[in-house]
Protein backbone atom coordinates (compact mmCIF):
# COMPACT_ATOMS: atom_id res chain seq x y z
CA VAL A 1 148.07 23.74 179.27
CA ALA A 2 151.67 22.56 179.69
CA VAL A 3 154.19 24.16 182.07
CA ILE A 4 157.94 23.86 181.50
CA ILE A 5 160.24 24.54 184.45
CA PRO A 6 163.97 24.73 183.69
CA SER A 7 166.07 24.11 186.78
CA ARG A 8 169.70 23.84 187.79
CA ASN A 9 170.43 23.36 191.49
CA MET A 10 167.09 24.92 192.46
CA ALA A 11 165.77 22.13 194.68
CA GLY A 12 165.02 24.59 197.47
CA THR A 13 162.25 26.36 195.54
CA LEU A 14 161.31 23.77 192.93
CA ALA A 15 158.50 22.13 194.92
CA ARG A 16 156.73 25.48 195.34
CA ALA A 17 156.98 26.15 191.61
CA ILE A 18 155.56 22.73 190.74
CA GLU A 19 152.75 22.94 193.29
CA SER A 20 151.73 26.31 191.86
CA CYS A 21 150.92 24.61 188.54
CA ALA A 22 147.65 23.16 189.84
CA GLY A 23 145.26 22.58 186.96
CA ALA A 24 147.92 22.23 184.27
CA ASP A 25 147.68 19.14 182.09
CA GLU A 26 151.44 18.62 181.80
CA ILE A 27 154.31 19.71 184.04
CA HIS A 28 157.84 19.28 182.70
CA VAL A 29 160.94 19.86 184.85
CA VAL A 30 164.14 20.23 182.84
CA ASP A 31 167.02 19.36 185.17
CA ASP A 32 170.22 20.71 183.65
CA ALA A 33 172.72 18.40 185.41
CA SER A 34 171.87 19.57 188.92
CA VAL A 35 174.11 18.34 191.73
CA ASP A 36 171.55 18.99 194.48
CA HIS A 37 168.49 16.87 195.38
CA THR A 38 166.30 18.03 192.50
CA GLN A 39 165.39 14.47 191.49
CA GLU A 40 164.31 13.61 195.03
CA VAL A 41 162.08 16.70 195.19
CA VAL A 42 160.27 15.66 192.02
CA ALA A 43 160.00 12.02 193.12
CA ARG A 44 158.32 12.81 196.44
CA LEU A 45 155.67 15.14 195.03
CA ASP A 46 152.11 13.94 194.91
CA ARG A 47 151.55 14.90 191.28
CA HIS A 48 152.85 13.50 188.01
CA VAL A 49 155.79 15.45 186.63
CA TYR A 50 157.81 14.68 183.52
CA LEU A 51 161.46 14.92 184.57
CA TRP A 52 163.97 15.60 181.81
CA ARG A 53 167.48 15.24 183.15
CA TRP A 54 170.59 16.20 181.23
CA PRO A 55 173.51 14.22 182.75
CA VAL A 56 176.03 16.83 181.58
CA LYS A 57 175.51 20.60 181.85
CA SER A 58 174.21 21.84 178.51
CA ARG A 59 176.32 24.35 176.62
CA CYS A 60 173.20 26.44 176.05
CA HIS A 61 170.34 25.82 178.47
CA LEU A 62 167.96 27.65 176.13
CA SER A 63 168.68 25.29 173.26
CA ALA A 64 168.29 22.39 175.69
CA LEU A 65 164.66 23.41 176.24
CA ARG A 66 163.68 23.00 172.60
CA VAL A 67 163.22 19.24 172.71
CA VAL A 68 160.88 19.63 175.69
CA TYR A 69 158.76 22.29 173.95
CA GLU A 70 158.50 20.03 170.92
CA ALA A 71 157.44 17.07 173.08
CA CYS A 72 154.53 18.91 174.72
CA GLN A 73 151.12 17.64 173.68
CA CYS A 74 149.16 20.69 174.86
CA ASP A 75 147.79 23.65 172.93
CA GLN A 76 149.31 26.27 175.25
CA ILE A 77 152.82 26.25 176.78
CA VAL A 78 153.91 28.21 179.84
CA GLY A 79 157.51 28.77 180.90
CA LEU A 80 158.09 29.07 184.65
CA GLY A 81 161.29 29.75 186.59
CA ALA A 82 162.11 27.22 189.30
CA ASP A 83 161.98 29.96 191.93
CA ASP A 84 158.84 31.60 190.54
CA ALA A 85 155.18 30.61 190.88
CA LEU A 86 151.92 30.71 188.97
CA LEU A 87 149.05 32.29 190.90
CA PRO A 88 145.42 31.15 191.18
CA GLY A 89 143.40 32.08 188.14
CA PHE A 90 146.28 31.93 185.68
CA VAL A 91 145.69 28.44 184.23
CA PRO A 92 141.90 29.02 183.88
CA ALA A 93 142.63 32.32 182.09
CA VAL A 94 144.93 30.54 179.64
CA ARG A 95 142.22 27.93 179.01
CA ASP A 96 139.64 30.67 178.38
CA TYR A 97 141.85 32.14 175.64
CA GLY A 98 143.48 28.95 174.39
CA GLY A 99 142.96 29.87 170.76
CA VAL A 100 144.91 33.14 171.06
CA ALA A 101 148.60 33.08 170.10
CA VAL A 102 149.93 34.76 173.26
CA VAL A 103 148.25 35.30 176.63
CA PHE A 104 149.71 38.06 178.84
CA THR A 105 148.80 38.79 182.46
CA ASP A 106 150.08 41.19 185.09
CA TYR A 107 152.68 39.77 187.47
CA ALA A 108 154.04 40.37 190.95
CA VAL A 109 157.72 40.82 191.73
CA ILE A 110 158.57 39.24 195.09
CA ASP A 111 161.69 38.95 197.21
CA GLU A 112 163.25 35.64 198.24
CA GLY A 113 161.09 35.60 201.36
CA GLY A 114 157.91 35.80 199.30
CA ARG A 115 157.11 39.45 200.10
CA THR A 116 155.58 41.40 197.20
CA LEU A 117 157.84 44.27 196.15
CA TYR A 118 155.66 45.64 193.36
CA THR A 119 153.34 44.56 190.55
CA ILE A 120 153.91 44.95 186.82
CA GLU A 121 150.60 45.94 185.26
CA GLN A 122 149.93 45.75 181.54
CA GLY A 123 147.44 48.62 181.62
CA PHE A 124 144.13 46.92 180.82
CA ASP A 125 140.97 46.92 182.96
CA CYS A 126 139.25 44.05 181.14
CA PRO A 127 140.43 41.20 178.91
CA THR A 128 141.58 42.81 175.68
CA VAL A 129 142.49 41.08 172.42
CA LEU A 130 144.96 42.91 170.16
CA VAL A 131 145.40 41.99 166.51
CA PRO A 132 148.99 42.10 165.20
CA GLU A 133 148.77 45.69 163.93
CA GLU A 134 147.47 46.92 167.31
CA MET A 135 150.24 45.10 169.15
CA GLN A 136 152.86 46.56 166.80
CA ARG A 137 151.60 50.06 167.59
CA ARG A 138 151.71 49.30 171.32
CA VAL A 139 155.32 48.11 171.21
CA ALA A 140 156.37 51.07 169.03
CA GLY A 141 154.54 53.61 171.18
CA GLU A 142 155.77 55.84 173.96
CA ARG A 143 154.74 53.40 176.70
CA HIS A 144 157.51 50.98 177.55
CA ALA A 145 156.18 47.52 176.83
CA THR A 146 156.44 45.11 179.74
CA GLU A 147 155.41 41.97 177.89
CA THR A 148 157.53 39.04 179.04
CA GLY A 149 157.25 35.31 179.54
CA ILE A 150 156.34 35.88 183.21
CA GLY A 151 152.66 35.14 183.67
CA SER A 152 152.28 34.46 179.94
CA SER A 153 151.66 31.55 177.62
CA LEU A 154 152.35 30.69 174.00
CA ARG A 155 150.17 28.65 171.67
CA LYS A 156 152.12 25.54 170.65
CA ASP A 157 152.39 26.43 166.96
CA VAL A 158 153.63 29.92 167.88
CA ALA A 159 156.36 28.44 170.10
CA ASP A 160 157.33 26.20 167.19
CA TRP A 161 157.54 29.30 164.95
CA LEU A 162 159.87 31.01 167.45
CA TRP A 163 162.18 27.99 167.59
CA ARG A 164 162.32 27.83 163.79
CA HIS A 165 163.42 31.46 163.79
CA GLY A 166 166.29 31.08 166.27
CA TRP A 167 164.48 31.85 169.53
CA GLU A 168 167.44 30.65 171.62
CA SER A 169 169.76 33.18 169.94
CA LEU A 170 168.08 35.93 172.00
CA GLY A 171 169.89 34.66 175.09
CA PRO A 172 168.69 36.02 178.44
CA HIS A 173 166.09 38.17 176.65
CA MET A 174 164.56 35.10 175.01
CA ASP A 175 161.26 35.42 176.83
CA SER A 176 160.61 39.16 176.67
CA VAL A 177 161.66 39.69 173.04
CA GLY A 178 160.25 36.35 171.90
CA TYR A 179 156.79 36.77 173.42
CA ALA A 180 156.47 40.37 172.23
CA THR A 181 157.62 39.40 168.72
CA ALA A 182 155.11 36.55 168.59
CA ALA A 183 152.34 38.89 169.72
CA CYS A 184 153.28 41.42 167.03
CA ARG A 185 153.15 38.67 164.43
CA PHE A 186 150.11 36.67 165.54
CA GLY A 187 148.14 38.83 167.98
CA CYS A 188 147.56 38.38 171.72
CA VAL A 189 145.23 38.92 174.66
CA PHE A 190 145.89 40.86 177.86
CA VAL A 191 144.07 39.46 180.90
CA PRO A 192 144.08 41.85 183.88
CA ILE A 193 144.86 39.37 186.64
CA VAL A 194 148.12 38.90 188.54
CA GLY A 195 149.05 35.60 186.94
CA ALA A 196 152.49 34.86 188.36
CA ALA A 197 155.08 35.82 190.94
CA TYR A 198 158.64 36.51 189.80
CA THR A 199 161.37 36.21 192.44
CA MET A 200 163.87 39.07 192.43
CA ALA A 201 167.03 37.48 193.81
CA SER A 202 170.70 38.38 193.78
CA ARG A 203 171.13 36.30 190.61
CA SER A 204 168.19 37.93 188.81
């Protein structure tokens, strides 16, 4: 399991995000020309982190992530915001279903102080694998799909497929549309645990 954390001037929350990745085999921080003390935060942590630093702000931070995804050596890749956190049980769940194209979990929405505001639930009581046709029916149904990159992972070859098909062109909806599209194409599993915490901030 590899975790990729894009960051620009997020030194204040970056350590928490990295520490939440306990159990991951690779942790990659993508520093998009930060002018805060991001590098110092990574350097003083007790765990090995691959730091990718762009000296000049990228024109498209989504495109800038592609080289990092391609460099990952793991079977499953997780994207994590620098002010978000993975929760206990998430990495083991991804390992349990490492052969599945997309792993979805429920996730908590928290405020900047760490207080839980609400939880997004996917609607499953036990781990449930959906083949592509079942996922297509779910997305097309009356229920509003909440599948996103929060608390989710992509199999490496599926991430490669998304990049080949212009994943970055989806802009700010890259994760939600990309993960759901991949699940409709390759199938997925829903694991009913709260796998991550998403910070709802003024910039969100």
